[in-house]
């Protein structure tokens, strides 16, 4: 009983920290969506990853100042 209570408290803390941190929430969503896409079709997941990388590269080339503010600085911090 004590061990299950401890596990529930730890999972709750993980959920609160993940929900409060946008980068952690985005990472969790990417993992869950990637797992769902992989279970559906590996080709669909790889295509979605290629699209995401292409969009990131496009933003970097077209709007370098926004890339710095939205991606590089938050990722480094």
PDB file of N, CA and C in Angstrom:
ATOM      1  N   UNK A   1       0.821  -1.179   0.000  1.00  0.00           N
ATOM      2  CA  UNK A   1       0.000   0.000   0.000  1.00  0.00           C
ATOM      3  C   UNK A   1       0.878   1.260   0.000  1.00  0.00           C
ATOM      4  N   UNK A   2       1.926   1.241   0.819  1.00  0.00           N
ATOM      5  CA  UNK A   2       2.811   2.397   0.887  1.00  0.00           C
ATOM      6  C   UNK A   2       3.556   2.575  -0.430  1.00  0.00           C
ATOM      7  N   UNK A   3       4.012   1.486  -1.008  1.00  0.00           N
ATOM      8  CA  UNK A   3       4.754   1.559  -2.270  1.00  0.00           C
ATOM      9  C   UNK A   3       3.862   2.078  -3.391  1.00  0.00           C
ATOM     10  N   UNK A   4       2.621   1.637  -3.453  1.00  0.00           N
ATOM     11  CA  UNK A   4       1.728   2.112  -4.510  1.00  0.00           C
ATOM     12  C   UNK A   4       1.418   3.601  -4.320  1.00  0.00           C
ATOM     13  N   UNK A   5       1.298   4.050  -3.087  1.00  0.00           N
ATOM     14  CA  UNK A   5       1.093   5.478  -2.831  1.00  0.00           C
ATOM     15  C   UNK A   5       2.285   6.297  -3.277  1.00  0.00           C
ATOM     16  N   UNK A   6       3.503   5.788  -3.033  1.00  0.00           N
ATOM     17  CA  UNK A   6       4.710   6.478  -3.457  1.00  0.00           C
ATOM     18  C   UNK A   6       4.777   6.568  -4.982  1.00  0.00           C
ATOM     19  N   UNK A   7       4.442   5.480  -5.669  1.00  0.00           N
ATOM     20  CA  UNK A   7       4.463   5.471  -7.141  1.00  0.00           C
ATOM     21  C   UNK A   7       3.457   6.471  -7.688  1.00  0.00           C
ATOM     22  N   UNK A   8       2.270   6.529  -7.101  1.00  0.00           N
ATOM     23  CA  UNK A   8       1.242   7.476  -7.559  1.00  0.00           C
ATOM     24  C   UNK A   8       1.726   8.913  -7.350  1.00  0.00           C
ATOM     25  N   UNK A   9       2.347   9.215  -6.218  1.00  0.00           N
ATOM     26  CA  UNK A   9       2.860  10.563  -5.966  1.00  0.00           C
ATOM     27  C   UNK A   9       3.958  10.926  -6.957  1.00  0.00           C
ATOM     28  N   UNK A  10       4.846   9.990  -7.262  1.00  0.00           N
ATOM     29  CA  UNK A  10       5.923  10.262  -8.209  1.00  0.00           C
ATOM     30  C   UNK A  10       5.381  10.489  -9.620  1.00  0.00           C
ATOM     31  N   UNK A  11       4.388   9.709 -10.011  1.00  0.00           N
ATOM     32  CA  UNK A  11       3.777   9.912 -11.327  1.00  0.00           C
ATOM     33  C   UNK A  11       3.065  11.259 -11.397  1.00  0.00           C
ATOM     34  N   UNK A  12       2.432  11.653 -10.310  1.00  0.00           N
ATOM     35  CA  UNK A  12       1.762  12.952 -10.265  1.00  0.00           C
ATOM     36  C   UNK A  12       2.792  14.084 -10.403  1.00  0.00           C
ATOM     37  N   UNK A  13       3.908  13.986  -9.693  1.00  0.00           N
ATOM     38  CA  UNK A  13       4.958  14.999  -9.802  1.00  0.00           C
ATOM     39  C   UNK A  13       5.505  15.079 -11.222  1.00  0.00           C
ATOM     40  N   UNK A  14       5.709  13.923 -11.838  1.00  0.00           N
ATOM     41  CA  UNK A  14       6.189  13.896 -13.222  1.00  0.00           C
ATOM     42  C   UNK A  14       5.192  14.562 -14.152  1.00  0.00           C
ATOM     43  N   UNK A  15       3.923  14.304 -13.952  1.00  0.00           N
ATOM     44  CA  UNK A  15       2.879  14.918 -14.771  1.00  0.00           C
ATOM     45  C   UNK A  15       2.855  16.428 -14.587  1.00  0.00           C
ATOM     46  N   UNK A  16       2.963  16.908 -13.361  1.00  0.00           N
ATOM     47  CA  UNK A  16       2.934  18.347 -13.098  1.00  0.00           C
ATOM     48  C   UNK A  16       4.142  19.033 -13.718  1.00  0.00           C
ATOM     49  N   UNK A  17       5.330  18.465 -13.561  1.00  0.00           N
ATOM     50  CA  UNK A  17       6.532  19.064 -14.138  1.00  0.00           C
ATOM     51  C   UNK A  17       6.459  19.051 -15.655  1.00  0.00           C
ATOM     52  N   UNK A  18       5.971  17.969 -16.221  1.00  0.00           N
ATOM     53  CA  UNK A  18       5.862  17.868 -17.679  1.00  0.00           C
ATOM     54  C   UNK A  18       4.861  18.884 -18.216  1.00  0.00           C
ATOM     55  N   UNK A  19       3.736  19.049 -17.544  1.00  0.00           N
ATOM     56  CA  UNK A  19       2.729  19.998 -17.999  1.00  0.00           C
ATOM     57  C   UNK A  19       3.196  21.441 -17.823  1.00  0.00           C
ATOM     58  N   UNK A  20       4.036  21.705 -16.840  1.00  0.00           N
ATOM     59  CA  UNK A  20       4.499  23.069 -16.579  1.00  0.00           C
ATOM     60  C   UNK A  20       5.652  23.479 -17.483  1.00  0.00           C
ATOM     61  N   UNK A  21       6.328  22.535 -18.094  1.00  0.00           N
ATOM     62  CA  UNK A  21       7.481  22.834 -18.940  1.00  0.00           C
ATOM     63  C   UNK A  21       7.109  22.568 -20.397  1.00  0.00           C
ATOM     64  N   UNK A  22       7.026  23.614 -21.218  1.00  0.00           N
ATOM     65  CA  UNK A  22       6.619  23.418 -22.611  1.00  0.00           C
ATOM     66  C   UNK A  22       7.522  22.466 -23.393  1.00  0.00           C
ATOM     67  N   UNK A  23       8.815  22.516 -23.164  1.00  0.00           N
ATOM     68  CA  UNK A  23       9.723  21.630 -23.898  1.00  0.00           C
ATOM     69  C   UNK A  23       9.489  20.175 -23.510  1.00  0.00           C
ATOM     70  N   UNK A  24       9.267  19.914 -22.222  1.00  0.00           N
ATOM     71  CA  UNK A  24       9.001  18.543 -21.787  1.00  0.00           C
ATOM     72  C   UNK A  24       7.661  18.056 -22.327  1.00  0.00           C
ATOM     73  N   UNK A  25       6.669  18.926 -22.345  1.00  0.00           N
ATOM     74  CA  UNK A  25       5.366  18.544 -22.886  1.00  0.00           C
ATOM     75  C   UNK A  25       5.463  18.256 -24.379  1.00  0.00           C
ATOM     76  N   UNK A  26       6.202  19.082 -25.100  1.00  0.00           N
ATOM     77  CA  UNK A  26       6.381  18.847 -26.536  1.00  0.00           C
ATOM     78  C   UNK A  26       7.128  17.543 -26.783  1.00  0.00           C
ATOM     79  N   UNK A  27       8.141  17.263 -25.996  1.00  0.00           N
ATOM     80  CA  UNK A  27       8.872  16.005 -26.138  1.00  0.00           C
ATOM     81  C   UNK A  27       8.002  14.803 -25.868  1.00  0.00           C
ATOM     82  N   UNK A  28       7.185  14.887 -24.822  1.00  0.00           N
ATOM     83  CA  UNK A  28       6.268  13.788 -24.508  1.00  0.00           C
ATOM     84  C   UNK A  28       5.264  13.576 -25.628  1.00  0.00           C
ATOM     85  N   UNK A  29       4.720  14.662 -26.151  1.00  0.00           N
ATOM     86  CA  UNK A  29       3.766  14.535 -27.261  1.00  0.00           C
ATOM     87  C   UNK A  29       4.427  13.943 -28.501  1.00  0.00           C
ATOM     88  N   UNK A  30       5.659  14.340 -28.778  1.00  0.00           N
ATOM     89  CA  UNK A  30       6.361  13.772 -29.931  1.00  0.00           C
ATOM     90  C   UNK A  30       6.596  12.277 -29.771  1.00  0.00           C
ATOM     91  N   UNK A  31       6.942  11.851 -28.577  1.00  0.00           N
ATOM     92  CA  UNK A  31       7.158  10.424 -28.338  1.00  0.00           C
ATOM     93  C   UNK A  31       5.862   9.651 -28.497  1.00  0.00           C
ATOM     94  N   UNK A  32       4.782  10.155 -27.933  1.00  0.00           N
ATOM     95  CA  UNK A  32       3.496   9.453 -28.016  1.00  0.00           C
ATOM     96  C   UNK A  32       2.993   9.418 -29.460  1.00  0.00           C
ATOM     97  N   UNK A  33       3.053  10.550 -30.145  1.00  0.00           N
ATOM     98  CA  UNK A  33       2.586  10.583 -31.532  1.00  0.00           C
ATOM     99  C   UNK A  33       3.473   9.710 -32.416  1.00  0.00           C
ATOM    100  N   UNK A  34       4.785   9.727 -32.184  1.00  0.00           N
ATOM    101  CA  UNK A  34       5.691   8.869 -32.952  1.00  0.00           C
ATOM    102  C   UNK A  34       5.402   7.400 -32.736  1.00  0.00           C
ATOM    103  N   UNK A  35       5.148   7.028 -31.494  1.00  0.00           N
ATOM    104  CA  UNK A  35       4.809   5.625 -31.206  1.00  0.00           C
ATOM    105  C   UNK A  35       3.503   5.226 -31.884  1.00  0.00           C
ATOM    106  N   UNK A  36       2.501   6.114 -31.851  1.00  0.00           N
ATOM    107  CA  UNK A  36       1.226   5.801 -32.518  1.00  0.00           C
ATOM    108  C   UNK A  36       1.402   5.690 -34.026  1.00  0.00           C
ATOM    109  N   UNK A  37       2.176   6.602 -34.610  1.00  0.00           N
ATOM    110  CA  UNK A  37       2.400   6.533 -36.055  1.00  0.00           C
ATOM    111  C   UNK A  37       3.212   5.295 -36.427  1.00  0.00           C
ATOM    112  N   UNK A  38       4.199   4.944 -35.609  1.00  0.00           N
ATOM    113  CA  UNK A  38       5.013   3.764 -35.910  1.00  0.00           C
ATOM    114  C   UNK A  38       4.164   2.499 -35.845  1.00  0.00           C
ATOM    115  N   UNK A  39       3.234   2.427 -34.884  1.00  0.00           N
ATOM    116  CA  UNK A  39       2.394   1.238 -34.783  1.00  0.00           C
ATOM    117  C   UNK A  39       1.406   1.173 -35.942  1.00  0.00           C
ATOM    118  N   UNK A  40       1.063   2.321 -36.518  1.00  0.00           N
ATOM    119  CA  UNK A  40       0.175   2.335 -37.674  1.00  0.00           C
ATOM    120  C   UNK A  40       0.942   1.989 -38.948  1.00  0.00           C
ATOM    121  N   UNK A  41       1.996   2.771 -39.193  1.00  0.00           N
ATOM    122  CA  UNK A  41       2.794   2.553 -40.399  1.00  0.00           C
ATOM    123  C   UNK A  41       4.162   3.209 -40.215  1.00  0.00           C
ATOM    124  N   UNK A  42       5.227   2.441 -40.277  1.00  0.00           N
ATOM    125  CA  UNK A  42       6.557   3.039 -40.150  1.00  0.00           C
ATOM    126  C   UNK A  42       6.847   4.076 -41.238  1.00  0.00           C
ATOM    127  N   UNK A  43       6.334   3.861 -42.432  1.00  0.00           N
ATOM    128  CA  UNK A  43       6.544   4.813 -43.519  1.00  0.00           C
ATOM    129  C   UNK A  43       5.859   6.141 -43.206  1.00  0.00           C
ATOM    130  N   UNK A  44       4.674   6.084 -42.591  1.00  0.00           N
ATOM    131  CA  UNK A  44       3.967   7.302 -42.208  1.00  0.00           C
ATOM    132  C   UNK A  44       4.769   8.078 -41.168  1.00  0.00           C
ATOM    133  N   UNK A  45       5.350   7.389 -40.216  1.00  0.00           N
ATOM    134  CA  UNK A  45       6.153   8.070 -39.200  1.00  0.00           C
ATOM    135  C   UNK A  45       7.399   8.695 -39.804  1.00  0.00           C
ATOM    136  N   UNK A  46       8.082   7.972 -40.660  1.00  0.00           N
ATOM    137  CA  UNK A  46       9.285   8.510 -41.292  1.00  0.00           C
ATOM    138  C   UNK A  46       8.955   9.708 -42.179  1.00  0.00           C
ATOM    139  N   UNK A  47       7.827   9.660 -42.862  1.00  0.00           N
ATOM    140  CA  UNK A  47       7.397  10.791 -43.693  1.00  0.00           C
ATOM    141  C   UNK A  47       7.087  12.010 -42.830  1.00  0.00           C
ATOM    142  N   UNK A  48       6.433  11.785 -41.695  1.00  0.00           N
ATOM    143  CA  UNK A  48       6.115  12.882 -40.785  1.00  0.00           C
ATOM    144  C   UNK A  48       7.385  13.491 -40.201  1.00  0.00           C
ATOM    145  N   UNK A  49       8.357  12.656 -39.862  1.00  0.00           N
ATOM    146  CA  UNK A  49       9.644  13.164 -39.353  1.00  0.00           C
ATOM    147  C   UNK A  49      10.361  13.982 -40.421  1.00  0.00           C
ATOM    148  N   UNK A  50      10.349  13.509 -41.649  1.00  0.00           N
ATOM    149  CA  UNK A  50      10.998  14.245 -42.739  1.00  0.00           C
ATOM    150  C   UNK A  50      10.310  15.590 -42.958  1.00  0.00           C
ATOM    151  N   UNK A  51       8.993  15.620 -42.850  1.00  0.00           N
ATOM    152  CA  UNK A  51       8.260  16.871 -42.989  1.00  0.00           C
ATOM    153  C   UNK A  51       8.626  17.839 -41.865  1.00  0.00           C
ATOM    154  N   UNK A  52       8.707  17.342 -40.648  1.00  0.00           N
ATOM    155  CA  UNK A  52       9.068  18.188 -39.517  1.00  0.00           C
ATOM    156  C   UNK A  52      10.463  18.768 -39.644  1.00  0.00           C
ATOM    157  N   UNK A  53      11.411  17.945 -40.056  1.00  0.00           N
ATOM    158  CA  UNK A  53      12.782  18.424 -40.250  1.00  0.00           C
ATOM    159  C   UNK A  53      12.822  19.450 -41.376  1.00  0.00           C
ATOM    160  N   UNK A  54      12.083  19.191 -42.433  1.00  0.00           N
ATOM    161  CA  UNK A  54      12.025  20.149 -43.537  1.00  0.00           C
ATOM    162  C   UNK A  54      11.441  21.487 -43.114  1.00  0.00           C
ATOM    163  N   UNK A  55      10.401  21.442 -42.281  1.00  0.00           N
ATOM    164  CA  UNK A  55       9.820  22.692 -41.781  1.00  0.00           C
ATOM    165  C   UNK A  55      10.803  23.446 -40.892  1.00  0.00           C
ATOM    166  N   UNK A  56      11.528  22.729 -40.047  1.00  0.00           N
ATOM    167  CA  UNK A  56      12.511  23.392 -39.195  1.00  0.00           C
ATOM    168  C   UNK A  56      13.628  24.031 -40.012  1.00  0.00           C
ATOM    169  N   UNK A  57      14.093  23.336 -41.010  1.00  0.00           N
ATOM    170  CA  UNK A  57      15.138  23.893 -41.871  1.00  0.00           C
ATOM    171  C   UNK A  57      14.601  25.104 -42.640  1.00  0.00           C
ATOM    172  N   UNK A  58      13.366  25.017 -43.105  1.00  0.00           N
ATOM    173  CA  UNK A  58      12.763  26.145 -43.820  1.00  0.00           C
ATOM    174  C   UNK A  58      12.627  27.376 -42.942  1.00  0.00           C
ATOM    175  N   UNK A  59      12.188  27.186 -41.692  1.00  0.00           N
ATOM    176  CA  UNK A  59      12.086  28.316 -40.768  1.00  0.00           C
ATOM    177  C   UNK A  59      13.460  28.901 -40.500  1.00  0.00           C
ATOM    178  N   UNK A  60      14.452  28.057 -40.358  1.00  0.00           N
ATOM    179  CA  UNK A  60      15.820  28.529 -40.095  1.00  0.00           C
ATOM    180  C   UNK A  60      16.333  29.371 -41.253  1.00  0.00           C
ATOM    181  N   UNK A  61      16.026  28.975 -42.488  1.00  0.00           N
ATOM    182  CA  UNK A  61      16.528  29.702 -43.649  1.00  0.00           C
ATOM    183  C   UNK A  61      15.739  30.977 -43.928  1.00  0.00           C
ATOM    184  N   UNK A  62      14.419  30.934 -43.724  1.00  0.00           N
ATOM    185  CA  UNK A  62      13.582  32.076 -44.075  1.00  0.00           C
ATOM    186  C   UNK A  62      13.549  33.119 -42.958  1.00  0.00           C
ATOM    187  N   UNK A  63      13.435  32.678 -41.694  1.00  0.00           N
ATOM    188  CA  UNK A  63      13.327  33.596 -40.559  1.00  0.00           C
ATOM    189  C   UNK A  63      14.400  33.278 -39.522  1.00  0.00           C
ATOM    190  N   UNK A  64      15.646  33.671 -39.760  1.00  0.00           N
ATOM    191  CA  UNK A  64      16.704  33.328 -38.802  1.00  0.00           C
ATOM    192  C   UNK A  64      16.511  33.977 -37.426  1.00  0.00           C
ATOM    193  N   UNK A  65      15.914  35.179 -37.362  1.00  0.00           N
ATOM    194  CA  UNK A  65      15.708  35.822 -36.074  1.00  0.00           C
ATOM    195  C   UNK A  65      14.641  35.089 -35.253  1.00  0.00           C
ATOM    196  N   UNK A  66      13.604  34.605 -35.899  1.00  0.00           N
ATOM    197  CA  UNK A  66      12.584  33.833 -35.186  1.00  0.00           C
ATOM    198  C   UNK A  66      13.131  32.469 -34.749  1.00  0.00           C
ATOM    199  N   UNK A  67      13.985  31.899 -35.585  1.00  0.00           N
ATOM    200  CA  UNK A  67      14.619  30.631 -35.226  1.00  0.00           C
ATOM    201  C   UNK A  67      15.414  30.792 -33.932  1.00  0.00           C
ATOM    202  N   UNK A  68      16.157  31.896 -33.846  1.00  0.00           N
ATOM    203  CA  UNK A  68      16.953  32.150 -32.658  1.00  0.00           C
ATOM    204  C   UNK A  68      16.060  32.300 -31.419  1.00  0.00           C
ATOM    205  N   UNK A  69      14.973  33.052 -31.550  1.00  0.00           N
ATOM    206  CA  UNK A  69      14.102  33.311 -30.401  1.00  0.00           C
ATOM    207  C   UNK A  69      13.245  32.110 -30.029  1.00  0.00           C
ATOM    208  N   UNK A  70      12.765  31.360 -31.009  1.00  0.00           N
ATOM    209  CA  UNK A  70      11.805  30.280 -30.736  1.00  0.00           C
ATOM    210  C   UNK A  70      12.467  28.935 -30.489  1.00  0.00           C
ATOM    211  N   UNK A  71      13.584  28.677 -31.155  1.00  0.00           N
ATOM    212  CA  UNK A  71      14.154  27.334 -31.090  1.00  0.00           C
ATOM    213  C   UNK A  71      15.514  27.287 -30.393  1.00  0.00           C
ATOM    214  N   UNK A  72      16.439  28.087 -30.850  1.00  0.00           N
ATOM    215  CA  UNK A  72      17.814  27.933 -30.375  1.00  0.00           C
ATOM    216  C   UNK A  72      17.976  28.325 -28.904  1.00  0.00           C
ATOM    217  N   UNK A  73      17.496  29.512 -28.542  1.00  0.00           N
ATOM    218  CA  UNK A  73      17.672  29.969 -27.169  1.00  0.00           C
ATOM    219  C   UNK A  73      16.880  29.128 -26.154  1.00  0.00           C
ATOM    220  N   UNK A  74      15.592  28.810 -26.402  1.00  0.00           N
ATOM    221  CA  UNK A  74      14.899  27.938 -25.434  1.00  0.00           C
ATOM    222  C   UNK A  74      15.499  26.546 -25.337  1.00  0.00           C
ATOM    223  N   UNK A  75      15.995  26.015 -26.437  1.00  0.00           N
ATOM    224  CA  UNK A  75      16.597  24.683 -26.405  1.00  0.00           C
ATOM    225  C   UNK A  75      17.900  24.698 -25.601  1.00  0.00           C
ATOM    226  N   UNK A  76      18.687  25.738 -25.767  1.00  0.00           N
ATOM    227  CA  UNK A  76      19.942  25.833 -25.029  1.00  0.00           C
ATOM    228  C   UNK A  76      19.714  26.057 -23.541  1.00  0.00           C
ATOM    229  N   UNK A  77      18.632  26.778 -23.201  1.00  0.00           N
ATOM    230  CA  UNK A  77      18.394  27.054 -21.777  1.00  0.00           C
ATOM    231  C   UNK A  77      17.676  25.882 -21.152  1.00  0.00           C
TER     232      UNK A  77
END
